[in-house]
Amino acid sequence: DFKKFKDIAASVNSYVLADIAHVAGL
């Protein structure tokens, strides 16, 4: 759930790195 991670990061002024190596095709 990328949106949940983004919301959490925004609340603490953090960047997000999403590593989609396994699911890129999906």
mmCIF file of all heavy atoms, coordinates in Angstrom:
data_MODEL
# 
_entry.id   MODEL 
# 
loop_
_atom_site.group_PDB 
_atom_site.id 
_atom_site.type_symbol 
_atom_site.label_atom_id 
_atom_site.label_alt_id 
_atom_site.label_comp_id 
_atom_site.label_asym_id 
_atom_site.label_entity_id 
_atom_site.label_seq_id 
_atom_site.pdbx_PDB_ins_code 
_atom_site.Cartn_x 
_atom_site.Cartn_y 
_atom_site.Cartn_z 
_atom_site.occupancy 
_atom_site.B_iso_or_equiv 
_atom_site.pdbx_formal_charge 
_atom_site.auth_seq_id 
_atom_site.auth_comp_id 
_atom_site.auth_asym_id 
_atom_site.auth_atom_id 
_atom_site.pdbx_PDB_model_num 
ATOM 1   N N   . ASP A 1 1  ? 0.853  -1.185  0.000   1.00 0.00 ? 1  ASP A N   1 
ATOM 2   C CA  . ASP A 1 1  ? 0.000  0.000   0.000   1.00 0.00 ? 1  ASP A CA  1 
ATOM 3   C C   . ASP A 1 1  ? 0.895  1.243   0.000   1.00 0.00 ? 1  ASP A C   1 
ATOM 4   O O   . ASP A 1 1  ? 1.252  1.783   1.052   1.00 0.00 ? 1  ASP A O   1 
ATOM 5   C CB  . ASP A 1 1  ? -0.925 -0.004  1.226   1.00 0.00 ? 1  ASP A CB  1 
ATOM 6   C CG  . ASP A 1 1  ? -2.020 1.052   1.131   1.00 0.00 ? 1  ASP A CG  1 
ATOM 7   O OD1 . ASP A 1 1  ? -1.794 2.080   0.463   1.00 0.00 ? 1  ASP A OD1 1 
ATOM 8   O OD2 . ASP A 1 1  ? -3.102 0.840   1.714   1.00 0.00 ? 1  ASP A OD2 1 
ATOM 9   N N   . PHE A 1 2  ? 1.259  1.700   -1.182  1.00 0.00 ? 2  PHE A N   1 
ATOM 10  C CA  . PHE A 1 2  ? 2.184  2.832   -1.300  1.00 0.00 ? 2  PHE A CA  1 
ATOM 11  C C   . PHE A 1 2  ? 1.602  4.118   -0.722  1.00 0.00 ? 2  PHE A C   1 
ATOM 12  O O   . PHE A 1 2  ? 2.331  4.944   -0.170  1.00 0.00 ? 2  PHE A O   1 
ATOM 13  C CB  . PHE A 1 2  ? 2.567  3.052   -2.768  1.00 0.00 ? 2  PHE A CB  1 
ATOM 14  C CG  . PHE A 1 2  ? 3.330  1.915   -3.368  1.00 0.00 ? 2  PHE A CG  1 
ATOM 15  C CD1 . PHE A 1 2  ? 2.858  1.262   -4.495  1.00 0.00 ? 2  PHE A CD1 1 
ATOM 16  C CD2 . PHE A 1 2  ? 4.528  1.491   -2.808  1.00 0.00 ? 2  PHE A CD2 1 
ATOM 17  C CE1 . PHE A 1 2  ? 3.564  0.210   -5.061  1.00 0.00 ? 2  PHE A CE1 1 
ATOM 18  C CE2 . PHE A 1 2  ? 5.241  0.434   -3.358  1.00 0.00 ? 2  PHE A CE2 1 
ATOM 19  C CZ  . PHE A 1 2  ? 4.759  -0.210  -4.487  1.00 0.00 ? 2  PHE A CZ  1 
ATOM 20  N N   . LYS A 1 3  ? 0.286  4.286   -0.837  1.00 0.00 ? 3  LYS A N   1 
ATOM 21  C CA  . LYS A 1 3  ? -0.324 5.507   -0.327  1.00 0.00 ? 3  LYS A CA  1 
ATOM 22  C C   . LYS A 1 3  ? -0.185 5.599   1.194   1.00 0.00 ? 3  LYS A C   1 
ATOM 23  O O   . LYS A 1 3  ? 0.075  6.672   1.743   1.00 0.00 ? 3  LYS A O   1 
ATOM 24  C CB  . LYS A 1 3  ? -1.795 5.570   -0.714  1.00 0.00 ? 3  LYS A CB  1 
ATOM 25  C CG  . LYS A 1 3  ? -2.450 6.910   -0.361  1.00 0.00 ? 3  LYS A CG  1 
ATOM 26  C CD  . LYS A 1 3  ? -3.875 6.995   -0.838  1.00 0.00 ? 3  LYS A CD  1 
ATOM 27  C CE  . LYS A 1 3  ? -4.447 8.391   -0.557  1.00 0.00 ? 3  LYS A CE  1 
ATOM 28  N NZ  . LYS A 1 3  ? -4.283 8.822   0.833   1.00 0.00 ? 3  LYS A NZ  1 
ATOM 29  N N   . LYS A 1 4  ? -0.350 4.465   1.883   1.00 0.00 ? 4  LYS A N   1 
ATOM 30  C CA  . LYS A 1 4  ? -0.181 4.469   3.337   1.00 0.00 ? 4  LYS A CA  1 
ATOM 31  C C   . LYS A 1 4  ? 1.239  4.863   3.713   1.00 0.00 ? 4  LYS A C   1 
ATOM 32  O O   . LYS A 1 4  ? 1.456  5.645   4.638   1.00 0.00 ? 4  LYS A O   1 
ATOM 33  C CB  . LYS A 1 4  ? -0.513 3.085   3.920   1.00 0.00 ? 4  LYS A CB  1 
ATOM 34  C CG  . LYS A 1 4  ? -2.001 2.827   4.105   1.00 0.00 ? 4  LYS A CG  1 
ATOM 35  C CD  . LYS A 1 4  ? -2.227 1.527   4.856   1.00 0.00 ? 4  LYS A CD  1 
ATOM 36  C CE  . LYS A 1 4  ? -3.713 1.281   5.070   1.00 0.00 ? 4  LYS A CE  1 
ATOM 37  N NZ  . LYS A 1 4  ? -3.964 -0.006  5.785   1.00 0.00 ? 4  LYS A NZ  1 
ATOM 38  N N   . PHE A 1 5  ? 2.202  4.303   3.003   1.00 0.00 ? 5  PHE A N   1 
ATOM 39  C CA  . PHE A 1 5  ? 3.597  4.646   3.286   1.00 0.00 ? 5  PHE A CA  1 
ATOM 40  C C   . PHE A 1 5  ? 3.856  6.125   3.002   1.00 0.00 ? 5  PHE A C   1 
ATOM 41  O O   . PHE A 1 5  ? 4.553  6.795   3.769   1.00 0.00 ? 5  PHE A O   1 
ATOM 42  C CB  . PHE A 1 5  ? 4.543  3.777   2.452   1.00 0.00 ? 5  PHE A CB  1 
ATOM 43  C CG  . PHE A 1 5  ? 4.802  2.423   3.043   1.00 0.00 ? 5  PHE A CG  1 
ATOM 44  C CD1 . PHE A 1 5  ? 4.188  1.291   2.520   1.00 0.00 ? 5  PHE A CD1 1 
ATOM 45  C CD2 . PHE A 1 5  ? 5.664  2.274   4.112   1.00 0.00 ? 5  PHE A CD2 1 
ATOM 46  C CE1 . PHE A 1 5  ? 4.428  0.036   3.069   1.00 0.00 ? 5  PHE A CE1 1 
ATOM 47  C CE2 . PHE A 1 5  ? 5.915  1.022   4.670   1.00 0.00 ? 5  PHE A CE2 1 
ATOM 48  C CZ  . PHE A 1 5  ? 5.295  -0.100  4.141   1.00 0.00 ? 5  PHE A CZ  1 
ATOM 49  N N   . LYS A 1 6  ? 3.305  6.631   1.918   1.00 0.00 ? 6  LYS A N   1 
ATOM 50  C CA  . LYS A 1 6  ? 3.502  8.036   1.573   1.00 0.00 ? 6  LYS A CA  1 
ATOM 51  C C   . LYS A 1 6  ? 2.896  8.944   2.639   1.00 0.00 ? 6  LYS A C   1 
ATOM 52  O O   . LYS A 1 6  ? 3.496  9.960   3.034   1.00 0.00 ? 6  LYS A O   1 
ATOM 53  C CB  . LYS A 1 6  ? 2.885  8.326   0.201   1.00 0.00 ? 6  LYS A CB  1 
ATOM 54  C CG  . LYS A 1 6  ? 2.969  9.785   -0.235  1.00 0.00 ? 6  LYS A CG  1 
ATOM 55  C CD  . LYS A 1 6  ? 4.398  10.284  -0.318  1.00 0.00 ? 6  LYS A CD  1 
ATOM 56  C CE  . LYS A 1 6  ? 4.441  11.733  -0.762  1.00 0.00 ? 6  LYS A CE  1 
ATOM 57  N NZ  . LYS A 1 6  ? 5.805  12.299  -0.705  1.00 0.00 ? 6  LYS A NZ  1 
ATOM 58  N N   . ASP A 1 7  ? 1.706  8.596   3.132   1.00 0.00 ? 7  ASP A N   1 
ATOM 59  C CA  . ASP A 1 7  ? 1.056  9.401   4.164   1.00 0.00 ? 7  ASP A CA  1 
ATOM 60  C C   . ASP A 1 7  ? 1.860  9.404   5.457   1.00 0.00 ? 7  ASP A C   1 
ATOM 61  O O   . ASP A 1 7  ? 2.001  10.443  6.115   1.00 0.00 ? 7  ASP A O   1 
ATOM 62  C CB  . ASP A 1 7  ? -0.358 8.872   4.429   1.00 0.00 ? 7  ASP A CB  1 
ATOM 63  C CG  . ASP A 1 7  ? -1.315 9.147   3.277   1.00 0.00 ? 7  ASP A CG  1 
ATOM 64  O OD1 . ASP A 1 7  ? -0.984 9.988   2.411   1.00 0.00 ? 7  ASP A OD1 1 
ATOM 65  O OD2 . ASP A 1 7  ? -2.393 8.514   3.230   1.00 0.00 ? 7  ASP A OD2 1 
ATOM 66  N N   . ILE A 1 8  ? 2.381  8.227   5.830   1.00 0.00 ? 8  ILE A N   1 
ATOM 67  C CA  . ILE A 1 8  ? 3.207  8.131   7.038   1.00 0.00 ? 8  ILE A CA  1 
ATOM 68  C C   . ILE A 1 8  ? 4.462  8.980   6.878   1.00 0.00 ? 8  ILE A C   1 
ATOM 69  O O   . ILE A 1 8  ? 4.853  9.743   7.770   1.00 0.00 ? 8  ILE A O   1 
ATOM 70  C CB  . ILE A 1 8  ? 3.579  6.668   7.340   1.00 0.00 ? 8  ILE A CB  1 
ATOM 71  C CG1 . ILE A 1 8  ? 2.334  5.872   7.741   1.00 0.00 ? 8  ILE A CG1 1 
ATOM 72  C CG2 . ILE A 1 8  ? 4.641  6.585   8.445   1.00 0.00 ? 8  ILE A CG2 1 
ATOM 73  C CD1 . ILE A 1 8  ? 2.555  4.364   7.805   1.00 0.00 ? 8  ILE A CD1 1 
ATOM 74  N N   . ALA A 1 9  ? 5.097  8.869   5.709   1.00 0.00 ? 9  ALA A N   1 
ATOM 75  C CA  . ALA A 1 9  ? 6.320  9.629   5.462   1.00 0.00 ? 9  ALA A CA  1 
ATOM 76  C C   . ALA A 1 9  ? 6.064  11.130  5.496   1.00 0.00 ? 9  ALA A C   1 
ATOM 77  O O   . ALA A 1 9  ? 6.855  11.903  6.044   1.00 0.00 ? 9  ALA A O   1 
ATOM 78  C CB  . ALA A 1 9  ? 6.919  9.220   4.114   1.00 0.00 ? 9  ALA A CB  1 
ATOM 79  N N   . ALA A 1 10 ? 4.958  11.538  4.909   1.00 0.00 ? 10 ALA A N   1 
ATOM 80  C CA  . ALA A 1 10 ? 4.631  12.966  4.872   1.00 0.00 ? 10 ALA A CA  1 
ATOM 81  C C   . ALA A 1 10 ? 4.449  13.529  6.283   1.00 0.00 ? 10 ALA A C   1 
ATOM 82  O O   . ALA A 1 10 ? 4.810  14.685  6.550   1.00 0.00 ? 10 ALA A O   1 
ATOM 83  C CB  . ALA A 1 10 ? 3.372  13.188  4.047   1.00 0.00 ? 10 ALA A CB  1 
ATOM 84  N N   . SER A 1 11 ? 3.932  12.693  7.178   1.00 0.00 ? 11 SER A N   1 
ATOM 85  C CA  . SER A 1 11 ? 3.685  13.161  8.546   1.00 0.00 ? 11 SER A CA  1 
ATOM 86  C C   . SER A 1 11 ? 4.970  13.404  9.330   1.00 0.00 ? 11 SER A C   1 
ATOM 87  O O   . SER A 1 11 ? 4.952  14.103  10.348  1.00 0.00 ? 11 SER A O   1 
ATOM 88  C CB  . SER A 1 11 ? 2.799  12.149  9.294   1.00 0.00 ? 11 SER A CB  1 
ATOM 89  O OG  . SER A 1 11 ? 3.519  10.958  9.589   1.00 0.00 ? 11 SER A OG  1 
ATOM 90  N N   . VAL A 1 12 ? 6.086  12.825  8.870   1.00 0.00 ? 12 VAL A N   1 
ATOM 91  C CA  . VAL A 1 12 ? 7.372  13.011  9.571   1.00 0.00 ? 12 VAL A CA  1 
ATOM 92  C C   . VAL A 1 12 ? 8.420  13.642  8.654   1.00 0.00 ? 12 VAL A C   1 
ATOM 93  O O   . VAL A 1 12 ? 9.607  13.597  8.934   1.00 0.00 ? 12 VAL A O   1 
ATOM 94  C CB  . VAL A 1 12 ? 7.890  11.668  10.144  1.00 0.00 ? 12 VAL A CB  1 
ATOM 95  C CG1 . VAL A 1 12 ? 6.958  11.155  11.226  1.00 0.00 ? 12 VAL A CG1 1 
ATOM 96  C CG2 . VAL A 1 12 ? 8.089  10.627  9.047   1.00 0.00 ? 12 VAL A CG2 1 
ATOM 97  N N   . ASN A 1 13 ? 7.943  14.185  7.514   1.00 0.00 ? 13 ASN A N   1 
ATOM 98  C CA  . ASN A 1 13 ? 8.831  14.872  6.571   1.00 0.00 ? 13 ASN A CA  1 
ATOM 99  C C   . ASN A 1 13 ? 9.954  13.961  6.066   1.00 0.00 ? 13 ASN A C   1 
ATOM 100 O O   . ASN A 1 13 ? 11.124 14.321  6.069   1.00 0.00 ? 13 ASN A O   1 
ATOM 101 C CB  . ASN A 1 13 ? 9.422  16.131  7.218   1.00 0.00 ? 13 ASN A CB  1 
ATOM 102 C CG  . ASN A 1 13 ? 10.027 17.071  6.191   1.00 0.00 ? 13 ASN A CG  1 
ATOM 103 O OD1 . ASN A 1 13 ? 9.583  17.118  5.040   1.00 0.00 ? 13 ASN A OD1 1 
ATOM 104 N ND2 . ASN A 1 13 ? 11.046 17.811  6.597   1.00 0.00 ? 13 ASN A ND2 1 
ATOM 105 N N   . SER A 1 14 ? 9.576  12.771  5.617   1.00 0.00 ? 14 SER A N   1 
ATOM 106 C CA  . SER A 1 14 ? 10.536 11.767  5.154   1.00 0.00 ? 14 SER A CA  1 
ATOM 107 C C   . SER A 1 14 ? 10.344 11.472  3.672   1.00 0.00 ? 14 SER A C   1 
ATOM 108 O O   . SER A 1 14 ? 9.231  11.561  3.144   1.00 0.00 ? 14 SER A O   1 
ATOM 109 C CB  . SER A 1 14 ? 10.354 10.480  5.966   1.00 0.00 ? 14 SER A CB  1 
ATOM 110 O OG  . SER A 1 14 ? 11.129 9.432   5.437   1.00 0.00 ? 14 SER A OG  1 
ATOM 111 N N   . TYR A 1 15 ? 11.433 11.125  2.999   1.00 0.00 ? 15 TYR A N   1 
ATOM 112 C CA  . TYR A 1 15 ? 11.337 10.616  1.639   1.00 0.00 ? 15 TYR A CA  1 
ATOM 113 C C   . TYR A 1 15 ? 10.853 9.173   1.673   1.00 0.00 ? 15 TYR A C   1 
ATOM 114 O O   . TYR A 1 15 ? 10.970 8.478   2.693   1.00 0.00 ? 15 TYR A O   1 
ATOM 115 C CB  . TYR A 1 15 ? 12.707 10.610  0.950   1.00 0.00 ? 15 TYR A CB  1 
ATOM 116 C CG  . TYR A 1 15 ? 13.323 11.964  0.721   1.00 0.00 ? 15 TYR A CG  1 
ATOM 117 C CD1 . TYR A 1 15 ? 14.564 12.290  1.277   1.00 0.00 ? 15 TYR A CD1 1 
ATOM 118 C CD2 . TYR A 1 15 ? 12.705 12.904  -0.093  1.00 0.00 ? 15 TYR A CD2 1 
ATOM 119 C CE1 . TYR A 1 15 ? 15.163 13.523  1.051   1.00 0.00 ? 15 TYR A CE1 1 
ATOM 120 C CE2 . TYR A 1 15 ? 13.303 14.146  -0.334  1.00 0.00 ? 15 TYR A CE2 1 
ATOM 121 C CZ  . TYR A 1 15 ? 14.530 14.444  0.256   1.00 0.00 ? 15 TYR A CZ  1 
ATOM 122 O OH  . TYR A 1 15 ? 15.117 15.667  0.026   1.00 0.00 ? 15 TYR A OH  1 
ATOM 123 N N   . VAL A 1 16 ? 10.343 8.708   0.530   1.00 0.00 ? 16 VAL A N   1 
ATOM 124 C CA  . VAL A 1 16 ? 10.009 7.288   0.368   1.00 0.00 ? 16 VAL A CA  1 
ATOM 125 C C   . VAL A 1 16 ? 10.753 6.736   -0.835  1.00 0.00 ? 16 VAL A C   1 
ATOM 126 O O   . VAL A 1 16 ? 10.778 7.360   -1.905  1.00 0.00 ? 16 VAL A O   1 
ATOM 127 C CB  . VAL A 1 16 ? 8.497  7.051   0.189   1.00 0.00 ? 16 VAL A CB  1 
ATOM 128 C CG1 . VAL A 1 16 ? 8.207  5.554   0.001   1.00 0.00 ? 16 VAL A CG1 1 
ATOM 129 C CG2 . VAL A 1 16 ? 7.711  7.579   1.376   1.00 0.00 ? 16 VAL A CG2 1 
ATOM 130 N N   . LEU A 1 17 ? 11.373 5.581   -0.649  1.00 0.00 ? 17 LEU A N   1 
ATOM 131 C CA  . LEU A 1 17 ? 11.961 4.817   -1.749  1.00 0.00 ? 17 LEU A CA  1 
ATOM 132 C C   . LEU A 1 17 ? 11.139 3.548   -1.906  1.00 0.00 ? 17 LEU A C   1 
ATOM 133 O O   . LEU A 1 17 ? 11.053 2.734   -0.976  1.00 0.00 ? 17 LEU A O   1 
ATOM 134 C CB  . LEU A 1 17 ? 13.419 4.450   -1.445  1.00 0.00 ? 17 LEU A CB  1 
ATOM 135 C CG  . LEU A 1 17 ? 14.043 3.332   -2.288  1.00 0.00 ? 17 LEU A CG  1 
ATOM 136 C CD1 . LEU A 1 17 ? 14.006 3.667   -3.777  1.00 0.00 ? 17 LEU A CD1 1 
ATOM 137 C CD2 . LEU A 1 17 ? 15.470 3.041   -1.841  1.00 0.00 ? 17 LEU A CD2 1 
ATOM 138 N N   . ALA A 1 18 ? 10.514 3.382   -3.057  1.00 0.00 ? 18 ALA A N   1 
ATOM 139 C CA  . ALA A 1 18 ? 9.761  2.164   -3.351  1.00 0.00 ? 18 ALA A CA  1 
ATOM 140 C C   . ALA A 1 18 ? 10.595 1.284   -4.277  1.00 0.00 ? 18 ALA A C   1 
ATOM 141 O O   . ALA A 1 18 ? 10.872 1.664   -5.415  1.00 0.00 ? 18 ALA A O   1 
ATOM 142 C CB  . ALA A 1 18 ? 8.425  2.499   -4.003  1.00 0.00 ? 18 ALA A CB  1 
ATOM 143 N N   . ASP A 1 19 ? 10.994 0.137   -3.780  1.00 0.00 ? 19 ASP A N   1 
ATOM 144 C CA  . ASP A 1 19 ? 11.766 -0.826  -4.562  1.00 0.00 ? 19 ASP A CA  1 
ATOM 145 C C   . ASP A 1 19 ? 10.789 -1.857  -5.113  1.00 0.00 ? 19 ASP A C   1 
ATOM 146 O O   . ASP A 1 19 ? 10.311 -2.726  -4.384  1.00 0.00 ? 19 ASP A O   1 
ATOM 147 C CB  . ASP A 1 19 ? 12.815 -1.482  -3.666  1.00 0.00 ? 19 ASP A CB  1 
ATOM 148 C CG  . ASP A 1 19 ? 13.701 -2.468  -4.413  1.00 0.00 ? 19 ASP A CG  1 
ATOM 149 O OD1 . ASP A 1 19 ? 13.313 -2.917  -5.502  1.00 0.00 ? 19 ASP A OD1 1 
ATOM 150 O OD2 . ASP A 1 19 ? 14.778 -2.811  -3.885  1.00 0.00 ? 19 ASP A OD2 1 
ATOM 151 N N   . ILE A 1 20 ? 10.480 -1.757  -6.404  1.00 0.00 ? 20 ILE A N   1 
ATOM 152 C CA  . ILE A 1 20 ? 9.476  -2.636  -7.007  1.00 0.00 ? 20 ILE A CA  1 
ATOM 153 C C   . ILE A 1 20 ? 10.124 -3.712  -7.878  1.00 0.00 ? 20 ILE A C   1 
ATOM 154 O O   . ILE A 1 20 ? 9.510  -4.211  -8.833  1.00 0.00 ? 20 ILE A O   1 
ATOM 155 C CB  . ILE A 1 20 ? 8.447  -1.837  -7.825  1.00 0.00 ? 20 ILE A CB  1 
ATOM 156 C CG1 . ILE A 1 20 ? 9.110  -1.056  -8.961  1.00 0.00 ? 20 ILE A CG1 1 
ATOM 157 C CG2 . ILE A 1 20 ? 7.653  -0.905  -6.913  1.00 0.00 ? 20 ILE A CG2 1 
ATOM 158 C CD1 . ILE A 1 20 ? 8.113  -0.458  -9.965  1.00 0.00 ? 20 ILE A CD1 1 
ATOM 159 N N   . ALA A 1 21 ? 11.351 -4.087  -7.535  1.00 0.00 ? 21 ALA A N   1 
ATOM 160 C CA  . ALA A 1 21 ? 12.089 -5.052  -8.349  1.00 0.00 ? 21 ALA A CA  1 
ATOM 161 C C   . ALA A 1 21 ? 11.280 -6.308  -8.649  1.00 0.00 ? 21 ALA A C   1 
ATOM 162 O O   . ALA A 1 21 ? 11.302 -6.821  -9.769  1.00 0.00 ? 21 ALA A O   1 
ATOM 163 C CB  . ALA A 1 21 ? 13.399 -5.431  -7.653  1.00 0.00 ? 21 ALA A CB  1 
ATOM 164 N N   . HIS A 1 22 ? 10.560 -6.806  -7.653  1.00 0.00 ? 22 HIS A N   1 
ATOM 165 C CA  . HIS A 1 22 ? 9.828  -8.057  -7.850  1.00 0.00 ? 22 HIS A CA  1 
ATOM 166 C C   . HIS A 1 22 ? 8.520  -7.889  -8.603  1.00 0.00 ? 22 HIS A C   1 
ATOM 167 O O   . HIS A 1 22 ? 8.074  -8.804  -9.293  1.00 0.00 ? 22 HIS A O   1 
ATOM 168 C CB  . HIS A 1 22 ? 9.579  -8.737  -6.507  1.00 0.00 ? 22 HIS A CB  1 
ATOM 169 C CG  . HIS A 1 22 ? 10.678 -9.666  -6.116  1.00 0.00 ? 22 HIS A CG  1 
ATOM 170 N ND1 . HIS A 1 22 ? 10.714 -10.989 -6.496  1.00 0.00 ? 22 HIS A ND1 1 
ATOM 171 C CD2 . HIS A 1 22 ? 11.800 -9.464  -5.399  1.00 0.00 ? 22 HIS A CD2 1 
ATOM 172 C CE1 . HIS A 1 22 ? 11.806 -11.562 -6.023  1.00 0.00 ? 22 HIS A CE1 1 
ATOM 173 N NE2 . HIS A 1 22 ? 12.487 -10.650 -5.363  1.00 0.00 ? 22 HIS A NE2 1 
ATOM 174 N N   . VAL A 1 23 ? 7.886  -6.736  -8.470  1.00 0.00 ? 23 VAL A N   1 
ATOM 175 C CA  . VAL A 1 23 ? 6.533  -6.592  -9.016  1.00 0.00 ? 23 VAL A CA  1 
ATOM 176 C C   . VAL A 1 23 ? 6.447  -5.625  -10.194 1.00 0.00 ? 23 VAL A C   1 
ATOM 177 O O   . VAL A 1 23 ? 5.356  -5.251  -10.612 1.00 0.00 ? 23 VAL A O   1 
ATOM 178 C CB  . VAL A 1 23 ? 5.551  -6.149  -7.906  1.00 0.00 ? 23 VAL A CB  1 
ATOM 179 C CG1 . VAL A 1 23 ? 5.452  -7.218  -6.829  1.00 0.00 ? 23 VAL A CG1 1 
ATOM 180 C CG2 . VAL A 1 23 ? 5.954  -4.807  -7.296  1.00 0.00 ? 23 VAL A CG2 1 
ATOM 181 N N   . ALA A 1 24 ? 7.578  -5.237  -10.764 1.00 0.00 ? 24 ALA A N   1 
ATOM 182 C CA  . ALA A 1 24 ? 7.573  -4.236  -11.838 1.00 0.00 ? 24 ALA A CA  1 
ATOM 183 C C   . ALA A 1 24 ? 6.668  -4.634  -13.003 1.00 0.00 ? 24 ALA A C   1 
ATOM 184 O O   . ALA A 1 24 ? 5.930  -3.809  -13.545 1.00 0.00 ? 24 ALA A O   1 
ATOM 185 C CB  . ALA A 1 24 ? 8.996  -3.992  -12.333 1.00 0.00 ? 24 ALA A CB  1 
ATOM 186 N N   . GLY A 1 25 ? 6.730  -5.893  -13.401 1.00 0.00 ? 25 GLY A N   1 
ATOM 187 C CA  . GLY A 1 25 ? 5.874  -6.348  -14.497 1.00 0.00 ? 25 GLY A CA  1 
ATOM 188 C C   . GLY A 1 25 ? 4.403  -6.241  -14.151 1.00 0.00 ? 25 GLY A C   1 
ATOM 189 O O   . GLY A 1 25 ? 3.571  -5.860  -14.987 1.00 0.00 ? 25 GLY A O   1 
ATOM 190 N N   . LEU A 1 26 ? 4.072  -6.546  -12.909 1.00 0.00 ? 26 LEU A N   1 
ATOM 191 C CA  . LEU A 1 26 ? 2.688  -6.440  -12.449 1.00 0.00 ? 26 LEU A CA  1 
ATOM 192 C C   . LEU A 1 26 ? 2.237  -4.984  -12.411 1.00 0.00 ? 26 LEU A C   1 
ATOM 193 O O   . LEU A 1 26 ? 1.081  -4.674  -12.709 1.00 0.00 ? 26 LEU A O   1 
ATOM 194 C CB  . LEU A 1 26 ? 2.545  -7.078  -11.066 1.00 0.00 ? 26 LEU A CB  1 
ATOM 195 C CG  . LEU A 1 26 ? 2.939  -8.559  -10.960 1.00 0.00 ? 26 LEU A CG  1 
ATOM 196 C CD1 . LEU A 1 26 ? 2.872  -9.032  -9.509  1.00 0.00 ? 26 LEU A CD1 1 
ATOM 197 C CD2 . LEU A 1 26 ? 2.038  -9.426  -11.833 1.00 0.00 ? 26 LEU A CD2 1 
# 
